Amino acid sequence: MVALRQNSDPHANHDNLIIRPKFSGLGRHAATLPPEKVTAFLKGYYALGFLQTTALATAKLSLVYLLHRIFITRGFQITMRVLAAIVGLWWITFTVADAFVCTPVRANWEPQIPHNCRSRNAILVAGPIPWILTDFAILIAPLFVIRILQLRMRDKIGLSALFLSGGA
């Protein structure tokens, strides 16, 4: 996160995530705030966008890695590697797109300067599409391996229900 205040405390950045919105005017109309508070809020909002995409990507990659380790069939492992590559490319693409939606970048938190911004709506609409598709692929991928296991049908149904509920 962009350091919004200087502090010698090693936990200062964690405090910014919790305390900073109060001091940036969250909950009050933007027209009633001094410009420096609006700028502080927009800097935090800009920085948290990177944190969100990184958190989503690392969570999904950890699940893909877990499934890659559980199921050792060659086809499944190739599938998991492809999904990991898609997730990684999604993370890079949308982090860069979000970072440079406005030129100069400073216009993200200083909208009064001359700038050129592309449509954030395009990012907001296009971003979830590969994300939802990879979620669906991760949910159903174990089913193909469970189908060929030498288990009773009741056990296969139970394992399938476990993976479909996201309880891997």
N, C-alpha and C. Protein backbone atom coordinates (compact mmCIF):
# COMPACT_ATOMS: atom_id res chain seq x y z
N MET A 1 0.84 -1.18 0.00
CA MET A 1 0.00 0.00 0.00
C MET A 1 0.88 1.24 0.00
N VAL A 2 0.45 2.26 -0.64
CA VAL A 2 1.18 3.52 -0.64
C VAL A 2 1.21 4.04 0.78
N ALA A 3 2.39 4.41 1.25
CA ALA A 3 2.49 4.93 2.61
C ALA A 3 1.82 6.30 2.67
N LEU A 4 0.75 6.36 3.43
CA LEU A 4 0.00 7.61 3.53
C LEU A 4 0.47 8.45 4.71
N ARG A 5 1.24 7.85 5.59
CA ARG A 5 1.81 8.60 6.70
C ARG A 5 3.10 7.90 7.10
N GLN A 6 4.01 8.64 7.64
CA GLN A 6 5.28 8.08 8.08
C GLN A 6 5.15 7.66 9.54
N ASN A 7 5.67 6.47 9.83
CA ASN A 7 5.59 5.95 11.18
C ASN A 7 6.72 4.96 11.37
N SER A 8 7.36 4.98 12.53
CA SER A 8 8.44 4.04 12.79
C SER A 8 7.91 2.69 13.24
N ASP A 9 6.62 2.60 13.53
CA ASP A 9 6.00 1.36 13.96
C ASP A 9 5.98 0.37 12.80
N PRO A 10 6.48 -0.89 13.01
CA PRO A 10 6.49 -1.86 11.92
C PRO A 10 5.09 -2.28 11.48
N HIS A 11 4.07 -2.02 12.30
CA HIS A 11 2.70 -2.39 11.95
C HIS A 11 1.92 -1.21 11.37
N ALA A 12 2.62 -0.14 11.02
CA ALA A 12 1.95 1.08 10.55
C ALA A 12 1.15 0.83 9.29
N ASN A 13 1.67 0.01 8.35
CA ASN A 13 0.92 -0.23 7.12
C ASN A 13 -0.36 -0.99 7.39
N HIS A 14 -0.33 -1.91 8.36
CA HIS A 14 -1.56 -2.62 8.72
C HIS A 14 -2.56 -1.64 9.33
N ASP A 15 -2.06 -0.69 10.12
CA ASP A 15 -2.94 0.31 10.70
C ASP A 15 -3.58 1.17 9.62
N ASN A 16 -2.84 1.45 8.55
CA ASN A 16 -3.39 2.26 7.45
C ASN A 16 -4.62 1.60 6.84
N LEU A 17 -4.60 0.28 6.73
CA LEU A 17 -5.73 -0.42 6.12
C LEU A 17 -6.99 -0.27 6.95
N ILE A 18 -6.83 -0.17 8.26
CA ILE A 18 -7.98 -0.11 9.15
C ILE A 18 -8.33 1.32 9.52
N ILE A 19 -7.35 2.12 9.86
CA ILE A 19 -7.59 3.46 10.39
C ILE A 19 -7.69 4.51 9.30
N ARG A 20 -6.93 4.39 8.24
CA ARG A 20 -6.83 5.42 7.22
C ARG A 20 -8.19 5.85 6.65
N PRO A 21 -9.14 4.93 6.36
CA PRO A 21 -10.41 5.41 5.80
C PRO A 21 -11.11 6.45 6.68
N LYS A 22 -11.02 6.29 8.00
CA LYS A 22 -11.66 7.27 8.89
C LYS A 22 -11.04 8.64 8.71
N PHE A 23 -9.73 8.70 8.60
CA PHE A 23 -9.05 9.98 8.49
C PHE A 23 -9.06 10.53 7.06
N SER A 24 -9.49 9.69 6.11
CA SER A 24 -9.58 10.15 4.73
C SER A 24 -10.98 10.63 4.38
N GLY A 25 -11.87 10.64 5.35
CA GLY A 25 -13.20 11.18 5.12
C GLY A 25 -14.24 10.17 4.70
N LEU A 26 -13.98 8.89 4.89
CA LEU A 26 -14.96 7.88 4.51
C LEU A 26 -16.26 8.10 5.28
N GLY A 27 -17.37 8.07 4.58
CA GLY A 27 -18.67 8.26 5.20
C GLY A 27 -19.20 9.68 5.09
N ARG A 28 -18.38 10.57 4.55
CA ARG A 28 -18.83 11.95 4.35
C ARG A 28 -18.83 12.27 2.87
N HIS A 29 -19.66 13.20 2.46
CA HIS A 29 -19.74 13.58 1.06
C HIS A 29 -18.42 14.20 0.61
N ALA A 30 -17.96 13.81 -0.57
CA ALA A 30 -16.67 14.28 -1.07
C ALA A 30 -16.61 15.79 -1.20
N ALA A 31 -17.74 16.43 -1.48
CA ALA A 31 -17.76 17.89 -1.64
C ALA A 31 -17.46 18.61 -0.33
N THR A 32 -17.65 17.94 0.80
CA THR A 32 -17.41 18.57 2.11
C THR A 32 -15.99 18.36 2.61
N LEU A 33 -15.19 17.60 1.88
CA LEU A 33 -13.84 17.26 2.33
C LEU A 33 -12.80 18.19 1.72
N PRO A 34 -11.73 18.46 2.47
CA PRO A 34 -10.63 19.20 1.86
C PRO A 34 -9.94 18.33 0.81
N PRO A 35 -9.34 18.94 -0.21
CA PRO A 35 -8.73 18.18 -1.31
C PRO A 35 -7.69 17.16 -0.86
N GLU A 36 -6.92 17.44 0.18
CA GLU A 36 -5.88 16.50 0.62
C GLU A 36 -6.50 15.21 1.17
N LYS A 37 -7.71 15.28 1.76
CA LYS A 37 -8.36 14.08 2.25
C LYS A 37 -8.89 13.24 1.09
N VAL A 38 -9.41 13.89 0.08
CA VAL A 38 -9.88 13.17 -1.11
C VAL A 38 -8.70 12.48 -1.78
N THR A 39 -7.58 13.19 -1.89
CA THR A 39 -6.38 12.61 -2.49
C THR A 39 -5.88 11.43 -1.68
N ALA A 40 -5.87 11.55 -0.36
CA ALA A 40 -5.42 10.44 0.50
C ALA A 40 -6.31 9.22 0.31
N PHE A 41 -7.61 9.44 0.25
CA PHE A 41 -8.53 8.32 0.05
C PHE A 41 -8.29 7.67 -1.31
N LEU A 42 -8.16 8.47 -2.37
CA LEU A 42 -7.98 7.92 -3.72
C LEU A 42 -6.64 7.18 -3.85
N LYS A 43 -5.60 7.64 -3.15
CA LYS A 43 -4.33 6.90 -3.15
C LYS A 43 -4.50 5.53 -2.52
N GLY A 44 -5.19 5.49 -1.39
CA GLY A 44 -5.44 4.21 -0.73
C GLY A 44 -6.29 3.29 -1.59
N TYR A 45 -7.30 3.84 -2.24
CA TYR A 45 -8.18 3.06 -3.11
C TYR A 45 -7.39 2.49 -4.29
N TYR A 46 -6.52 3.29 -4.85
CA TYR A 46 -5.68 2.85 -5.97
C TYR A 46 -4.77 1.71 -5.53
N ALA A 47 -4.13 1.87 -4.38
CA ALA A 47 -3.21 0.84 -3.88
C ALA A 47 -3.95 -0.45 -3.52
N LEU A 48 -5.13 -0.34 -2.94
CA LEU A 48 -5.87 -1.53 -2.54
C LEU A 48 -6.35 -2.34 -3.75
N GLY A 49 -6.47 -1.70 -4.91
CA GLY A 49 -6.81 -2.43 -6.13
C GLY A 49 -5.77 -3.48 -6.46
N PHE A 50 -4.51 -3.16 -6.25
CA PHE A 50 -3.42 -4.13 -6.49
C PHE A 50 -3.46 -5.24 -5.45
N LEU A 51 -3.75 -4.87 -4.23
CA LEU A 51 -3.84 -5.86 -3.16
C LEU A 51 -4.97 -6.85 -3.43
N GLN A 52 -6.10 -6.36 -3.92
CA GLN A 52 -7.23 -7.24 -4.18
C GLN A 52 -6.92 -8.25 -5.28
N THR A 53 -6.40 -7.80 -6.42
CA THR A 53 -6.12 -8.74 -7.50
C THR A 53 -5.03 -9.74 -7.09
N THR A 54 -4.06 -9.28 -6.32
CA THR A 54 -3.00 -10.18 -5.86
C THR A 54 -3.55 -11.21 -4.89
N ALA A 55 -4.42 -10.79 -3.98
CA ALA A 55 -5.01 -11.73 -3.03
C ALA A 55 -5.87 -12.77 -3.74
N LEU A 56 -6.67 -12.34 -4.70
CA LEU A 56 -7.50 -13.28 -5.45
C LEU A 56 -6.65 -14.29 -6.22
N ALA A 57 -5.63 -13.79 -6.88
CA ALA A 57 -4.78 -14.67 -7.70
C ALA A 57 -4.00 -15.65 -6.83
N THR A 58 -3.45 -15.21 -5.72
CA THR A 58 -2.68 -16.14 -4.88
C THR A 58 -3.58 -17.18 -4.23
N ALA A 59 -4.79 -16.81 -3.85
CA ALA A 59 -5.72 -17.79 -3.29
C ALA A 59 -6.06 -18.86 -4.32
N LYS A 60 -6.34 -18.42 -5.53
CA LYS A 60 -6.69 -19.38 -6.58
C LYS A 60 -5.49 -20.24 -6.96
N LEU A 61 -4.31 -19.64 -7.04
CA LEU A 61 -3.11 -20.41 -7.37
C LEU A 61 -2.79 -21.44 -6.28
N SER A 62 -3.04 -21.10 -5.03
CA SER A 62 -2.79 -22.08 -3.96
C SER A 62 -3.74 -23.27 -4.07
N LEU A 63 -4.98 -23.02 -4.46
CA LEU A 63 -5.93 -24.11 -4.65
C LEU A 63 -5.53 -24.98 -5.85
N VAL A 64 -5.11 -24.35 -6.92
CA VAL A 64 -4.65 -25.09 -8.10
C VAL A 64 -3.43 -25.94 -7.74
N TYR A 65 -2.52 -25.38 -6.96
CA TYR A 65 -1.33 -26.14 -6.54
C TYR A 65 -1.72 -27.31 -5.65
N LEU A 66 -2.68 -27.10 -4.75
CA LEU A 66 -3.14 -28.19 -3.89
C LEU A 66 -3.73 -29.32 -4.72
N LEU A 67 -4.59 -29.00 -5.67
CA LEU A 67 -5.17 -30.03 -6.53
C LEU A 67 -4.10 -30.72 -7.37
N HIS A 68 -3.13 -29.96 -7.82
CA HIS A 68 -2.01 -30.52 -8.60
C HIS A 68 -1.26 -31.55 -7.78
N ARG A 69 -1.13 -31.31 -6.48
CA ARG A 69 -0.42 -32.24 -5.60
C ARG A 69 -1.27 -33.46 -5.22
N ILE A 70 -2.59 -33.29 -5.14
CA ILE A 70 -3.46 -34.39 -4.73
C ILE A 70 -3.63 -35.41 -5.84
N PHE A 71 -3.94 -34.94 -7.03
CA PHE A 71 -4.23 -35.82 -8.16
C PHE A 71 -3.00 -35.88 -9.06
N ILE A 72 -2.46 -37.09 -9.22
CA ILE A 72 -1.16 -37.20 -9.89
C ILE A 72 -1.26 -37.73 -11.32
N THR A 73 -2.47 -37.82 -11.87
CA THR A 73 -2.57 -38.26 -13.26
C THR A 73 -2.01 -37.18 -14.18
N ARG A 74 -1.38 -37.59 -15.24
CA ARG A 74 -0.71 -36.66 -16.14
C ARG A 74 -1.67 -35.64 -16.75
N GLY A 75 -2.81 -36.09 -17.21
CA GLY A 75 -3.77 -35.18 -17.82
C GLY A 75 -4.27 -34.12 -16.84
N PHE A 76 -4.52 -34.55 -15.60
CA PHE A 76 -5.00 -33.60 -14.60
C PHE A 76 -3.92 -32.58 -14.27
N GLN A 77 -2.69 -33.02 -14.15
CA GLN A 77 -1.61 -32.10 -13.83
C GLN A 77 -1.39 -31.09 -14.96
N ILE A 78 -1.52 -31.52 -16.19
CA ILE A 78 -1.42 -30.59 -17.31
C ILE A 78 -2.55 -29.57 -17.24
N THR A 79 -3.76 -30.04 -16.92
CA THR A 79 -4.90 -29.14 -16.77
C THR A 79 -4.63 -28.10 -15.70
N MET A 80 -4.09 -28.52 -14.57
CA MET A 80 -3.81 -27.59 -13.48
C MET A 80 -2.72 -26.58 -13.86
N ARG A 81 -1.73 -27.04 -14.63
CA ARG A 81 -0.69 -26.11 -15.09
C ARG A 81 -1.26 -25.06 -16.04
N VAL A 82 -2.16 -25.49 -16.91
CA VAL A 82 -2.81 -24.55 -17.83
C VAL A 82 -3.66 -23.56 -17.04
N LEU A 83 -4.41 -24.05 -16.06
CA LEU A 83 -5.21 -23.14 -15.23
C LEU A 83 -4.33 -22.17 -14.46
N ALA A 84 -3.20 -22.65 -13.95
CA ALA A 84 -2.27 -21.76 -13.23
C ALA A 84 -1.74 -20.68 -14.17
N ALA A 85 -1.45 -21.05 -15.40
CA ALA A 85 -0.97 -20.07 -16.37
C ALA A 85 -2.05 -19.04 -16.69
N ILE A 86 -3.29 -19.50 -16.83
CA ILE A 86 -4.40 -18.56 -17.10
C ILE A 86 -4.59 -17.60 -15.94
N VAL A 87 -4.55 -18.13 -14.72
CA VAL A 87 -4.70 -17.27 -13.53
C VAL A 87 -3.54 -16.27 -13.46
N GLY A 88 -2.33 -16.74 -13.71
CA GLY A 88 -1.16 -15.83 -13.68
C GLY A 88 -1.26 -14.75 -14.74
N LEU A 89 -1.68 -15.12 -15.94
CA LEU A 89 -1.84 -14.13 -17.00
C LEU A 89 -2.96 -13.16 -16.68
N TRP A 90 -4.05 -13.67 -16.09
CA TRP A 90 -5.15 -12.79 -15.67
C TRP A 90 -4.63 -11.76 -14.66
N TRP A 91 -3.86 -12.24 -13.68
CA TRP A 91 -3.35 -11.34 -12.64
C TRP A 91 -2.46 -10.26 -13.26
N ILE A 92 -1.54 -10.64 -14.10
CA ILE A 92 -0.63 -9.67 -14.73
C ILE A 92 -1.42 -8.69 -15.60
N THR A 93 -2.31 -9.21 -16.43
CA THR A 93 -3.08 -8.37 -17.35
C THR A 93 -3.91 -7.34 -16.62
N PHE A 94 -4.67 -7.77 -15.63
CA PHE A 94 -5.57 -6.84 -14.98
C PHE A 94 -4.87 -5.95 -13.96
N THR A 95 -3.74 -6.37 -13.44
CA THR A 95 -2.95 -5.48 -12.59
C THR A 95 -2.38 -4.35 -13.44
N VAL A 96 -1.82 -4.68 -14.59
CA VAL A 96 -1.26 -3.66 -15.48
C VAL A 96 -2.38 -2.76 -16.03
N ALA A 97 -3.50 -3.36 -16.44
CA ALA A 97 -4.61 -2.57 -16.98
C ALA A 97 -5.14 -1.60 -15.93
N ASP A 98 -5.26 -2.06 -14.70
CA ASP A 98 -5.76 -1.20 -13.63
C ASP A 98 -4.73 -0.12 -13.27
N ALA A 99 -3.46 -0.47 -13.33
CA ALA A 99 -2.42 0.49 -12.98
C ALA A 99 -2.36 1.64 -13.98
N PHE A 100 -2.56 1.34 -15.26
CA PHE A 100 -2.38 2.34 -16.29
C PHE A 100 -3.69 2.73 -16.98
N VAL A 101 -4.80 2.65 -16.25
CA VAL A 101 -6.08 3.04 -16.83
C VAL A 101 -6.08 4.54 -17.12
N CYS A 102 -5.34 5.30 -16.33
CA CYS A 102 -5.22 6.74 -16.55
C CYS A 102 -3.76 7.10 -16.84
N THR A 103 -3.57 8.04 -17.77
CA THR A 103 -2.24 8.54 -18.08
C THR A 103 -2.26 10.05 -17.86
N PRO A 104 -1.42 10.58 -17.05
CA PRO A 104 -0.43 9.96 -16.18
C PRO A 104 -1.10 9.20 -15.03
N VAL A 105 -0.36 8.27 -14.45
CA VAL A 105 -0.88 7.43 -13.37
C VAL A 105 -1.37 8.29 -12.21
N ARG A 106 -0.72 9.39 -11.96
CA ARG A 106 -1.07 10.29 -10.85
C ARG A 106 -2.51 10.78 -10.95
N ALA A 107 -3.09 10.73 -12.14
CA ALA A 107 -4.48 11.17 -12.33
C ALA A 107 -5.48 10.28 -11.60
N ASN A 108 -5.06 9.07 -11.20
CA ASN A 108 -5.94 8.21 -10.43
C ASN A 108 -6.29 8.81 -9.09
N TRP A 109 -5.40 9.57 -8.51
CA TRP A 109 -5.68 10.19 -7.21
C TRP A 109 -5.68 11.72 -7.26
N GLU A 110 -5.33 12.27 -8.41
CA GLU A 110 -5.41 13.72 -8.62
C GLU A 110 -6.19 13.97 -9.91
N PRO A 111 -7.51 13.80 -9.88
CA PRO A 111 -8.30 13.89 -11.13
C PRO A 111 -8.35 15.29 -11.73
N GLN A 112 -7.90 16.30 -11.00
CA GLN A 112 -7.95 17.67 -11.52
C GLN A 112 -6.83 17.97 -12.51
N ILE A 113 -5.78 17.13 -12.56
CA ILE A 113 -4.69 17.38 -13.51
C ILE A 113 -5.12 16.93 -14.91
N PRO A 114 -4.52 17.48 -15.96
CA PRO A 114 -4.86 17.02 -17.32
C PRO A 114 -4.50 15.55 -17.48
N HIS A 115 -5.44 14.76 -17.98
CA HIS A 115 -5.20 13.32 -18.08
C HIS A 115 -6.04 12.71 -19.19
N ASN A 116 -5.71 11.47 -19.48
CA ASN A 116 -6.46 10.67 -20.45
C ASN A 116 -6.73 9.32 -19.78
N CYS A 117 -8.00 9.02 -19.53
CA CYS A 117 -8.37 7.76 -18.88
C CYS A 117 -9.19 6.89 -19.83
N ARG A 118 -8.85 5.61 -19.84
CA ARG A 118 -9.63 4.65 -20.59
C ARG A 118 -10.82 4.21 -19.74
N SER A 119 -11.71 3.46 -20.28
CA SER A 119 -12.93 3.05 -19.59
C SER A 119 -12.64 2.02 -18.49
N ARG A 120 -12.97 2.36 -17.26
CA ARG A 120 -12.88 1.39 -16.17
C ARG A 120 -13.97 0.34 -16.29
N ASN A 121 -15.07 0.70 -16.94
CA ASN A 121 -16.17 -0.26 -17.11
C ASN A 121 -15.73 -1.47 -17.91
N ALA A 122 -14.88 -1.27 -18.91
CA ALA A 122 -14.39 -2.39 -19.70
C ALA A 122 -13.61 -3.37 -18.82
N ILE A 123 -12.80 -2.83 -17.91
CA ILE A 123 -12.04 -3.68 -16.99
C ILE A 123 -12.98 -4.39 -16.03
N LEU A 124 -13.97 -3.66 -15.53
CA LEU A 124 -14.91 -4.25 -14.58
C LEU A 124 -15.78 -5.34 -15.21
N VAL A 125 -16.06 -5.22 -16.49
CA VAL A 125 -16.87 -6.23 -17.18
C VAL A 125 -16.01 -7.40 -17.64
N ALA A 126 -14.84 -7.12 -18.21
CA ALA A 126 -13.99 -8.18 -18.76
C ALA A 126 -13.26 -8.97 -17.68
N GLY A 127 -12.94 -8.35 -16.56
CA GLY A 127 -12.17 -9.01 -15.51
C GLY A 127 -12.77 -10.28 -14.96
N PRO A 128 -14.05 -10.28 -14.61
CA PRO A 128 -14.63 -11.48 -14.00
C PRO A 128 -14.85 -12.66 -14.95
N ILE A 129 -14.87 -12.43 -16.24
CA ILE A 129 -15.19 -13.52 -17.18
C ILE A 129 -14.18 -14.67 -17.08
N PRO A 130 -12.86 -14.42 -17.26
CA PRO A 130 -11.93 -15.55 -17.10
C PRO A 130 -11.89 -16.06 -15.66
N TRP A 131 -12.17 -15.17 -14.73
CA TRP A 131 -12.15 -15.57 -13.32
C TRP A 131 -13.24 -16.59 -13.04
N ILE A 132 -14.45 -16.35 -13.53
CA ILE A 132 -15.57 -17.27 -13.32
C ILE A 132 -15.31 -18.59 -14.06
N LEU A 133 -14.77 -18.50 -15.26
CA LEU A 133 -14.48 -19.71 -16.03
C LEU A 133 -13.43 -20.58 -15.34
N THR A 134 -12.39 -19.96 -14.78
CA THR A 134 -11.38 -20.75 -14.07
C THR A 134 -11.94 -21.31 -12.77
N ASP A 135 -12.82 -20.58 -12.10
CA ASP A 135 -13.49 -21.12 -10.91
C ASP A 135 -14.25 -22.40 -11.27
N PHE A 136 -15.03 -22.32 -12.33
CA PHE A 136 -15.81 -23.46 -12.78
C PHE A 136 -14.89 -24.63 -13.16
N ALA A 137 -13.80 -24.34 -13.86
CA ALA A 137 -12.86 -25.41 -14.26
C ALA A 137 -12.22 -26.06 -13.04
N ILE A 138 -11.87 -25.28 -12.04
CA ILE A 138 -11.26 -25.84 -10.83
C ILE A 138 -12.27 -26.70 -10.08
N LEU A 139 -13.53 -26.30 -10.09
CA LEU A 139 -14.56 -27.09 -9.39
C LEU A 139 -14.82 -28.43 -10.07
N ILE A 140 -14.87 -28.44 -11.39
CA ILE A 140 -15.24 -29.69 -12.07
C ILE A 140 -14.04 -30.57 -12.43
N ALA A 141 -12.83 -30.04 -12.45
CA ALA A 141 -11.66 -30.84 -12.87
C ALA A 141 -11.48 -32.11 -12.04
N PRO A 142 -11.62 -32.07 -10.72
CA PRO A 142 -11.45 -33.32 -9.95
C PRO A 142 -12.48 -34.40 -10.28
N LEU A 143 -13.63 -34.01 -10.80
CA LEU A 143 -14.69 -34.98 -11.08
C LEU A 143 -14.25 -36.01 -12.10
N PHE A 144 -13.43 -35.60 -13.06
CA PHE A 144 -12.98 -36.53 -14.09
C PHE A 144 -12.01 -37.57 -13.51
N VAL A 145 -11.24 -37.19 -12.52
CA VAL A 145 -10.32 -38.13 -11.88
C VAL A 145 -11.10 -39.02 -10.92
N ILE A 146 -12.05 -38.45 -10.17
CA ILE A 146 -12.84 -39.24 -9.23
C ILE A 146 -13.65 -40.31 -9.96
N ARG A 147 -14.09 -39.99 -11.16
CA ARG A 147 -14.89 -40.93 -11.96
C ARG A 147 -14.15 -42.23 -12.22
N ILE A 148 -12.81 -42.17 -12.39
CA ILE A 148 -12.06 -43.39 -12.73
C ILE A 148 -11.46 -44.08 -11.50
N LEU A 149 -11.67 -43.53 -10.31
CA LEU A 149 -11.16 -44.20 -9.11
C LEU A 149 -11.91 -45.49 -8.85
N GLN A 150 -11.22 -46.45 -8.24
CA GLN A 150 -11.86 -47.72 -7.93
C GLN A 150 -12.49 -47.61 -6.53
N LEU A 151 -13.63 -46.94 -6.50
CA LEU A 151 -14.39 -46.75 -5.27
C LEU A 151 -15.84 -47.14 -5.52
N ARG A 152 -16.58 -47.35 -4.40
CA ARG A 152 -18.01 -47.58 -4.52
C ARG A 152 -18.65 -46.29 -5.02
N MET A 153 -19.79 -46.43 -5.69
CA MET A 153 -20.49 -45.27 -6.25
C MET A 153 -20.83 -44.27 -5.16
N ARG A 154 -21.20 -44.75 -3.98
CA ARG A 154 -21.53 -43.86 -2.87
C ARG A 154 -20.33 -43.01 -2.47
N ASP A 155 -19.15 -43.60 -2.45
CA ASP A 155 -17.93 -42.86 -2.11
C ASP A 155 -17.56 -41.85 -3.19
N LYS A 156 -17.76 -42.24 -4.46
CA LYS A 156 -17.50 -41.30 -5.55
C LYS A 156 -18.43 -40.10 -5.48
N ILE A 157 -19.70 -40.36 -5.16
CA ILE A 157 -20.66 -39.27 -5.04
C ILE A 157 -20.28 -38.35 -3.88
N GLY A 158 -19.86 -38.94 -2.77
CA GLY A 158 -19.44 -38.15 -1.62
C GLY A 158 -18.22 -37.30 -1.92
N LEU A 159 -17.22 -37.88 -2.57
CA LEU A 159 -16.03 -37.11 -2.94
C LEU A 159 -16.37 -36.02 -3.94
N SER A 160 -17.23 -36.34 -4.90
CA SER A 160 -17.64 -35.33 -5.88
C SER A 160 -18.35 -34.17 -5.20
N ALA A 161 -19.24 -34.49 -4.25
CA ALA A 161 -19.96 -33.45 -3.51
C ALA A 161 -18.98 -32.59 -2.72
N LEU A 162 -17.96 -33.22 -2.14
CA LEU A 162 -16.95 -32.47 -1.38
C LEU A 162 -16.21 -31.49 -2.27
N PHE A 163 -15.76 -31.93 -3.42
CA PHE A 163 -15.03 -31.03 -4.32
C PHE A 163 -15.93 -29.98 -4.95
N LEU A 164 -17.17 -30.36 -5.26
CA LEU A 164 -18.10 -29.37 -5.85
C LEU A 164 -18.50 -28.30 -4.86
N SER A 165 -18.45 -28.62 -3.57
CA SER A 165 -18.79 -27.60 -2.56
C SER A 165 -17.60 -26.68 -2.27
N GLY A 166 -16.47 -26.95 -2.89
CA GLY A 166 -15.29 -26.12 -2.67
C GLY A 166 -14.53 -26.53 -1.44
N GLY A 167 -14.81 -27.69 -0.91
CA GLY A 167 -14.18 -28.13 0.33
C GLY A 167 -12.93 -28.93 0.12
N ALA A 168 -12.22 -28.66 -0.97
CA ALA A 168 -10.99 -29.40 -1.24
C ALA A 168 -10.06 -29.17 -0.15
